[in-house]
């Protein structure tokens, strides 16, 4: 069973942070070290960093969930029929589609 390639997802928050840093660098290069413009950009940077932390926390949770599902999908291939049935029940309770495969998790983690 071969999995296809997964397109990488670029997080918009990273682009936002890069843009803000570019503006701050531009202001610094042009001698703007005080005033409202710089303070405004600093404020925007801190908000963007807070947003990035929230996104990272969400990604951490998703990785944890996918890792748990991966363990159950591996156990689903057991030679023990009772274990397989127990795993199927757990996966159903986790709302995991019965067609979901281990390589689907690998693709999700890669993206």
N, C-alpha and C. Protein backbone atom coordinates (compact mmCIF):
# COMPACT_ATOMS: atom_id res chain seq x y z
N UNK A 1 0.84 -1.17 0.00
CA UNK A 1 0.00 0.00 0.00
C UNK A 1 0.90 1.24 0.00
N UNK A 2 0.79 2.03 -1.01
CA UNK A 2 1.65 3.19 -1.15
C UNK A 2 0.83 4.46 -0.95
N UNK A 3 1.41 5.37 -0.21
CA UNK A 3 0.75 6.66 0.00
C UNK A 3 1.24 7.66 -1.03
N UNK A 4 0.39 8.60 -1.36
CA UNK A 4 0.77 9.66 -2.29
C UNK A 4 1.56 10.75 -1.57
N UNK A 5 1.93 11.74 -2.32
CA UNK A 5 2.65 12.86 -1.71
C UNK A 5 1.66 13.85 -1.13
N UNK A 6 2.09 14.53 -0.10
CA UNK A 6 1.24 15.49 0.57
C UNK A 6 1.82 16.89 0.39
N UNK A 7 1.00 17.82 -0.07
CA UNK A 7 1.51 19.19 -0.18
C UNK A 7 1.76 19.77 1.21
N UNK A 8 2.84 20.52 1.33
CA UNK A 8 3.14 21.15 2.61
C UNK A 8 2.25 22.36 2.80
N UNK A 9 1.80 22.53 4.03
CA UNK A 9 0.95 23.67 4.35
C UNK A 9 1.82 24.77 4.94
N UNK A 10 1.75 25.95 4.36
CA UNK A 10 2.50 27.07 4.88
C UNK A 10 1.58 27.87 5.80
N UNK A 11 2.01 28.07 7.01
CA UNK A 11 1.22 28.81 7.97
C UNK A 11 1.29 30.30 7.70
N UNK A 12 0.16 30.96 7.54
CA UNK A 12 0.15 32.39 7.25
C UNK A 12 0.80 33.23 8.36
N UNK A 13 0.74 32.74 9.59
CA UNK A 13 1.31 33.51 10.71
C UNK A 13 2.81 33.70 10.54
N UNK A 14 3.48 32.73 9.93
CA UNK A 14 4.93 32.86 9.70
C UNK A 14 5.20 33.97 8.70
N UNK A 15 4.40 34.04 7.65
CA UNK A 15 4.55 35.12 6.67
C UNK A 15 4.30 36.47 7.33
N UNK A 16 3.30 36.53 8.19
CA UNK A 16 3.00 37.78 8.90
C UNK A 16 4.18 38.22 9.75
N UNK A 17 4.75 37.28 10.50
CA UNK A 17 5.91 37.60 11.35
C UNK A 17 7.07 38.09 10.49
N UNK A 18 7.32 37.41 9.38
CA UNK A 18 8.41 37.82 8.49
C UNK A 18 8.18 39.23 7.95
N UNK A 19 6.95 39.53 7.57
CA UNK A 19 6.64 40.87 7.05
C UNK A 19 6.85 41.95 8.12
N UNK A 20 6.40 41.67 9.34
CA UNK A 20 6.57 42.64 10.42
C UNK A 20 8.05 42.87 10.72
N UNK A 21 8.82 41.79 10.76
CA UNK A 21 10.26 41.92 11.01
C UNK A 21 10.92 42.73 9.88
N UNK A 22 10.50 42.49 8.66
CA UNK A 22 11.04 43.28 7.53
C UNK A 22 10.75 44.77 7.71
N UNK A 23 9.53 45.09 8.14
CA UNK A 23 9.17 46.50 8.35
C UNK A 23 10.00 47.10 9.48
N UNK A 24 10.14 46.35 10.57
CA UNK A 24 10.94 46.84 11.70
C UNK A 24 12.39 47.06 11.26
N UNK A 25 12.93 46.13 10.48
CA UNK A 25 14.30 46.29 9.97
C UNK A 25 14.40 47.51 9.05
N UNK A 26 13.40 47.71 8.21
CA UNK A 26 13.38 48.87 7.32
C UNK A 26 13.39 50.16 8.13
N UNK A 27 12.54 50.22 9.16
CA UNK A 27 12.49 51.41 10.01
C UNK A 27 13.84 51.65 10.69
N UNK A 28 14.45 50.58 11.19
CA UNK A 28 15.74 50.72 11.87
C UNK A 28 16.83 51.19 10.90
N UNK A 29 16.81 50.64 9.68
CA UNK A 29 17.80 51.04 8.67
C UNK A 29 17.68 52.52 8.30
N UNK A 30 16.48 53.05 8.46
CA UNK A 30 16.25 54.45 8.10
C UNK A 30 16.22 55.36 9.33
N UNK A 31 16.77 54.87 10.42
CA UNK A 31 16.93 55.69 11.61
C UNK A 31 15.68 55.92 12.42
N UNK A 32 14.63 55.17 12.15
CA UNK A 32 13.40 55.32 12.94
C UNK A 32 13.49 54.35 14.12
N UNK A 33 13.91 54.88 15.26
CA UNK A 33 14.06 54.04 16.44
C UNK A 33 13.11 54.45 17.56
N UNK A 34 12.39 55.55 17.35
CA UNK A 34 11.43 56.03 18.35
C UNK A 34 10.16 56.42 17.61
N UNK A 35 9.10 56.50 18.36
CA UNK A 35 7.87 57.00 17.77
C UNK A 35 6.81 55.93 17.60
N UNK A 36 5.69 56.40 17.09
CA UNK A 36 4.51 55.55 16.97
C UNK A 36 4.64 54.41 15.99
N UNK A 37 5.34 54.63 14.88
CA UNK A 37 5.44 53.57 13.87
C UNK A 37 6.13 52.33 14.44
N UNK A 38 7.24 52.55 15.10
CA UNK A 38 8.01 51.42 15.63
C UNK A 38 7.23 50.73 16.75
N UNK A 39 6.62 51.52 17.62
CA UNK A 39 5.83 50.93 18.72
C UNK A 39 4.66 50.11 18.16
N UNK A 40 4.03 50.65 17.12
CA UNK A 40 2.92 49.93 16.50
C UNK A 40 3.39 48.59 15.92
N UNK A 41 4.54 48.60 15.24
CA UNK A 41 5.06 47.37 14.65
C UNK A 41 5.49 46.38 15.73
N UNK A 42 6.06 46.89 16.81
CA UNK A 42 6.43 46.00 17.93
C UNK A 42 5.18 45.34 18.50
N UNK A 43 4.13 46.12 18.67
CA UNK A 43 2.87 45.59 19.18
C UNK A 43 2.33 44.51 18.24
N UNK A 44 2.37 44.79 16.94
CA UNK A 44 1.92 43.80 15.95
C UNK A 44 2.76 42.54 16.01
N UNK A 45 4.07 42.71 16.21
CA UNK A 45 4.95 41.54 16.30
C UNK A 45 4.60 40.68 17.50
N UNK A 46 4.38 41.30 18.65
CA UNK A 46 4.02 40.52 19.84
C UNK A 46 2.67 39.81 19.65
N UNK A 47 1.71 40.46 19.01
CA UNK A 47 0.43 39.80 18.74
C UNK A 47 0.62 38.61 17.80
N UNK A 48 1.46 38.79 16.78
CA UNK A 48 1.72 37.70 15.84
C UNK A 48 2.44 36.54 16.53
N UNK A 49 3.38 36.87 17.42
CA UNK A 49 4.09 35.81 18.15
C UNK A 49 3.13 35.06 19.07
N UNK A 50 2.20 35.78 19.70
CA UNK A 50 1.18 35.11 20.51
C UNK A 50 0.33 34.18 19.65
N UNK A 51 -0.04 34.66 18.46
CA UNK A 51 -0.81 33.83 17.53
C UNK A 51 -0.03 32.60 17.09
N UNK A 52 1.27 32.77 16.88
CA UNK A 52 2.11 31.64 16.49
C UNK A 52 2.18 30.61 17.62
N UNK A 53 2.26 31.08 18.85
CA UNK A 53 2.32 30.15 19.99
C UNK A 53 1.02 29.36 20.09
N UNK A 54 -0.10 30.03 19.88
CA UNK A 54 -1.39 29.33 19.91
C UNK A 54 -1.43 28.27 18.83
N UNK A 55 -0.97 28.63 17.63
CA UNK A 55 -0.96 27.67 16.52
C UNK A 55 -0.03 26.50 16.82
N UNK A 56 1.13 26.77 17.41
CA UNK A 56 2.06 25.70 17.78
C UNK A 56 1.43 24.76 18.81
N UNK A 57 0.71 25.32 19.77
CA UNK A 57 0.03 24.49 20.76
C UNK A 57 -1.01 23.59 20.09
N UNK A 58 -1.74 24.14 19.11
CA UNK A 58 -2.73 23.35 18.38
C UNK A 58 -2.05 22.23 17.59
N UNK A 59 -0.92 22.54 16.97
CA UNK A 59 -0.18 21.54 16.21
C UNK A 59 0.33 20.44 17.13
N UNK A 60 0.81 20.81 18.32
CA UNK A 60 1.27 19.81 19.29
C UNK A 60 0.14 18.85 19.65
N UNK A 61 -1.05 19.39 19.89
CA UNK A 61 -2.20 18.54 20.21
C UNK A 61 -2.55 17.61 19.06
N UNK A 62 -2.51 18.15 17.84
CA UNK A 62 -2.83 17.34 16.66
C UNK A 62 -1.82 16.20 16.50
N UNK A 63 -0.54 16.50 16.73
CA UNK A 63 0.49 15.46 16.64
C UNK A 63 0.24 14.38 17.69
N UNK A 64 -0.12 14.79 18.90
CA UNK A 64 -0.42 13.82 19.95
C UNK A 64 -1.59 12.94 19.57
N UNK A 65 -2.65 13.55 19.05
CA UNK A 65 -3.82 12.78 18.62
C UNK A 65 -3.47 11.81 17.50
N UNK A 66 -2.73 12.28 16.51
CA UNK A 66 -2.36 11.42 15.39
C UNK A 66 -1.46 10.27 15.83
N UNK A 67 -0.60 10.53 16.79
CA UNK A 67 0.28 9.47 17.31
C UNK A 67 -0.55 8.39 17.99
N UNK A 68 -1.56 8.82 18.76
CA UNK A 68 -2.44 7.84 19.42
C UNK A 68 -3.19 7.00 18.39
N UNK A 69 -3.73 7.66 17.38
CA UNK A 69 -4.46 6.94 16.34
C UNK A 69 -3.52 5.99 15.61
N UNK A 70 -2.30 6.42 15.36
CA UNK A 70 -1.32 5.57 14.68
C UNK A 70 -1.08 4.28 15.46
N UNK A 71 -0.97 4.41 16.78
CA UNK A 71 -0.78 3.21 17.61
C UNK A 71 -1.94 2.24 17.43
N UNK A 72 -3.16 2.77 17.40
CA UNK A 72 -4.33 1.91 17.23
C UNK A 72 -4.38 1.30 15.83
N UNK A 73 -3.99 2.07 14.83
CA UNK A 73 -3.99 1.52 13.47
C UNK A 73 -2.96 0.41 13.32
N UNK A 74 -1.83 0.56 13.99
CA UNK A 74 -0.84 -0.52 13.96
C UNK A 74 -1.38 -1.75 14.68
N UNK A 75 -2.03 -1.53 15.84
CA UNK A 75 -2.60 -2.65 16.59
C UNK A 75 -3.73 -3.33 15.80
N UNK A 76 -4.36 -2.59 14.91
CA UNK A 76 -5.45 -3.14 14.10
C UNK A 76 -4.96 -4.25 13.17
N UNK A 77 -3.65 -4.30 12.91
CA UNK A 77 -3.08 -5.32 12.04
C UNK A 77 -2.62 -6.55 12.83
N UNK A 78 -2.98 -6.60 14.10
CA UNK A 78 -2.57 -7.70 14.97
C UNK A 78 -3.12 -9.04 14.48
N UNK A 79 -2.44 -10.11 14.86
CA UNK A 79 -2.90 -11.46 14.55
C UNK A 79 -3.99 -11.91 15.53
N UNK A 80 -4.16 -11.15 16.59
CA UNK A 80 -5.14 -11.48 17.61
C UNK A 80 -6.49 -10.85 17.25
N UNK A 81 -7.48 -11.67 16.86
CA UNK A 81 -8.78 -11.12 16.43
C UNK A 81 -9.49 -10.31 17.52
N UNK A 82 -9.32 -10.71 18.75
CA UNK A 82 -9.97 -9.97 19.85
C UNK A 82 -9.36 -8.56 19.96
N UNK A 83 -8.05 -8.47 19.85
CA UNK A 83 -7.38 -7.17 19.90
C UNK A 83 -7.83 -6.28 18.74
N UNK A 84 -7.95 -6.89 17.57
CA UNK A 84 -8.38 -6.14 16.39
C UNK A 84 -9.78 -5.57 16.61
N UNK A 85 -10.68 -6.37 17.16
CA UNK A 85 -12.05 -5.89 17.41
C UNK A 85 -12.06 -4.79 18.46
N UNK A 86 -11.25 -4.93 19.51
CA UNK A 86 -11.16 -3.88 20.53
C UNK A 86 -10.65 -2.58 19.94
N UNK A 87 -9.66 -2.68 19.08
CA UNK A 87 -9.08 -1.50 18.44
C UNK A 87 -10.10 -0.84 17.52
N UNK A 88 -10.88 -1.64 16.81
CA UNK A 88 -11.91 -1.08 15.94
C UNK A 88 -12.92 -0.27 16.73
N UNK A 89 -13.27 -0.77 17.92
CA UNK A 89 -14.22 -0.05 18.78
C UNK A 89 -13.61 1.27 19.24
N UNK A 90 -12.34 1.23 19.66
CA UNK A 90 -11.66 2.45 20.12
C UNK A 90 -11.59 3.47 18.99
N UNK A 91 -11.22 3.02 17.79
CA UNK A 91 -11.12 3.93 16.65
C UNK A 91 -12.48 4.53 16.31
N UNK A 92 -13.53 3.73 16.41
CA UNK A 92 -14.87 4.24 16.15
C UNK A 92 -15.24 5.29 17.18
N UNK A 93 -14.90 5.04 18.45
CA UNK A 93 -15.19 6.02 19.51
C UNK A 93 -14.40 7.31 19.33
N UNK A 94 -13.25 7.21 18.67
CA UNK A 94 -12.44 8.39 18.38
C UNK A 94 -12.88 9.08 17.09
N UNK A 95 -13.94 8.58 16.48
CA UNK A 95 -14.47 9.11 15.22
C UNK A 95 -13.46 9.03 14.08
N UNK A 96 -12.70 7.95 14.06
CA UNK A 96 -11.73 7.72 12.99
C UNK A 96 -12.41 6.92 11.90
N UNK A 97 -12.38 7.44 10.70
CA UNK A 97 -12.97 6.78 9.55
C UNK A 97 -12.36 5.39 9.40
N UNK A 98 -13.18 4.40 9.14
CA UNK A 98 -12.69 3.02 9.04
C UNK A 98 -11.72 2.83 7.87
N UNK A 99 -11.74 3.73 6.90
CA UNK A 99 -10.82 3.64 5.76
C UNK A 99 -9.50 4.36 6.01
N UNK A 100 -9.38 5.03 7.16
CA UNK A 100 -8.17 5.77 7.49
C UNK A 100 -7.02 4.79 7.68
N UNK A 101 -5.88 5.09 7.05
CA UNK A 101 -4.72 4.19 7.08
C UNK A 101 -3.55 4.85 7.79
N UNK A 102 -2.62 4.02 8.17
CA UNK A 102 -1.41 4.51 8.84
C UNK A 102 -0.67 5.51 7.95
N UNK A 103 -0.60 5.24 6.65
CA UNK A 103 0.11 6.16 5.76
C UNK A 103 -0.62 7.50 5.67
N UNK A 104 -1.94 7.51 5.92
CA UNK A 104 -2.66 8.79 5.97
C UNK A 104 -2.14 9.66 7.13
N UNK A 105 -1.83 9.00 8.24
CA UNK A 105 -1.27 9.73 9.37
C UNK A 105 0.12 10.23 9.04
N UNK A 106 0.92 9.40 8.38
CA UNK A 106 2.26 9.85 7.99
C UNK A 106 2.18 11.09 7.09
N UNK A 107 1.23 11.09 6.17
CA UNK A 107 1.07 12.26 5.28
C UNK A 107 0.66 13.48 6.07
N UNK A 108 -0.28 13.31 7.00
CA UNK A 108 -0.74 14.43 7.80
C UNK A 108 0.40 15.01 8.64
N UNK A 109 1.19 14.13 9.23
CA UNK A 109 2.32 14.59 10.04
C UNK A 109 3.37 15.29 9.18
N UNK A 110 3.57 14.79 7.97
CA UNK A 110 4.55 15.43 7.08
C UNK A 110 4.12 16.83 6.69
N UNK A 111 2.82 17.01 6.51
CA UNK A 111 2.35 18.34 6.09
C UNK A 111 2.40 19.29 7.26
